[in-house]
Amino acid sequence: MNYGDLFAQIFIFVLLLGIGCVIYYSIRSFIRSFVTKELNKSNNLEQKLDRIIELLEKDKTD
């Protein structure tokens, strides 16, 4: 085996490993942002419902 073949195999291996890492971190980032958006939506909805309940309770006491 000559050094050119060895270098080419190492280069291809590192390239494929790099592509795999980029894909992994891209998908991970997408999932994390999606989950964060969903949590924010549910928190906003929860706050709105709490506000409605407060207003309804205030109307009952008046």
Protein backbone atom coordinates (compact mmCIF):
# COMPACT_ATOMS: atom_id res chain seq x y z
CA MET A 1 0.00 0.00 0.00
CA ASN A 2 1.44 3.38 -0.84
CA TYR A 3 1.00 6.58 1.11
CA GLY A 4 -1.29 8.19 -1.46
CA ASP A 5 -3.92 5.47 -1.01
CA LEU A 6 -3.65 5.70 2.77
CA PHE A 7 -4.00 9.49 2.65
CA ALA A 8 -7.05 9.22 0.36
CA GLN A 9 -8.74 6.70 2.67
CA ILE A 10 -8.10 8.83 5.75
CA PHE A 11 -9.34 11.93 3.92
CA ILE A 12 -12.57 10.22 2.82
CA PHE A 13 -13.11 8.83 6.32
CA VAL A 14 -12.68 12.27 7.91
CA LEU A 15 -14.94 13.81 5.26
CA LEU A 16 -17.70 11.28 5.90
CA LEU A 17 -17.33 11.72 9.65
CA GLY A 18 -17.62 15.49 9.22
CA ILE A 19 -20.73 15.17 7.07
CA GLY A 20 -22.26 12.86 9.67
CA CYS A 21 -21.54 15.37 12.44
CA VAL A 22 -23.07 18.22 10.45
CA ILE A 23 -26.22 16.21 9.79
CA TYR A 24 -26.46 15.12 13.44
CA TYR A 25 -26.09 18.63 14.86
CA SER A 26 -28.45 20.12 12.28
CA ILE A 27 -31.20 17.65 13.14
CA ARG A 28 -30.51 18.10 16.86
CA SER A 29 -30.78 21.89 16.53
CA PHE A 30 -34.02 21.61 14.53
CA ILE A 31 -35.62 19.32 17.11
CA ARG A 32 -34.49 21.52 19.99
CA SER A 33 -35.95 24.67 18.39
CA PHE A 34 -39.21 22.85 17.61
CA VAL A 35 -39.57 21.63 21.21
CA THR A 36 -38.75 25.08 22.58
CA LYS A 37 -41.42 26.68 20.37
CA GLU A 38 -44.00 24.14 21.52
CA LEU A 39 -43.16 24.79 25.18
CA ASN A 40 -43.50 28.54 24.64
CA LYS A 41 -46.88 28.04 22.96
CA SER A 42 -48.17 25.93 25.82
CA ASN A 43 -46.86 28.42 28.39
CA ASN A 44 -48.59 31.29 26.58
CA LEU A 45 -51.82 29.32 26.39
CA GLU A 46 -51.59 28.48 30.07
CA GLN A 47 -51.09 32.14 30.99
CA LYS A 48 -54.08 33.18 28.90
CA LEU A 49 -56.29 30.55 30.51
CA ASP A 50 -55.15 31.65 33.97
CA ARG A 51 -56.06 35.22 33.08
CA ILE A 52 -59.51 34.16 31.86
CA ILE A 53 -60.12 32.19 35.06
CA GLU A 54 -59.10 35.19 37.15
CA LEU A 55 -61.49 37.44 35.25
CA LEU A 56 -64.36 34.94 35.60
CA GLU A 57 -63.74 34.59 39.33
CA LYS A 58 -63.64 38.37 39.67
CA ASP A 59 -67.00 38.63 37.86
CA LYS A 60 -68.52 36.04 40.19
CA THR A 61 -67.51 37.99 43.29
CA ASP A 62 -68.85 41.30 41.89
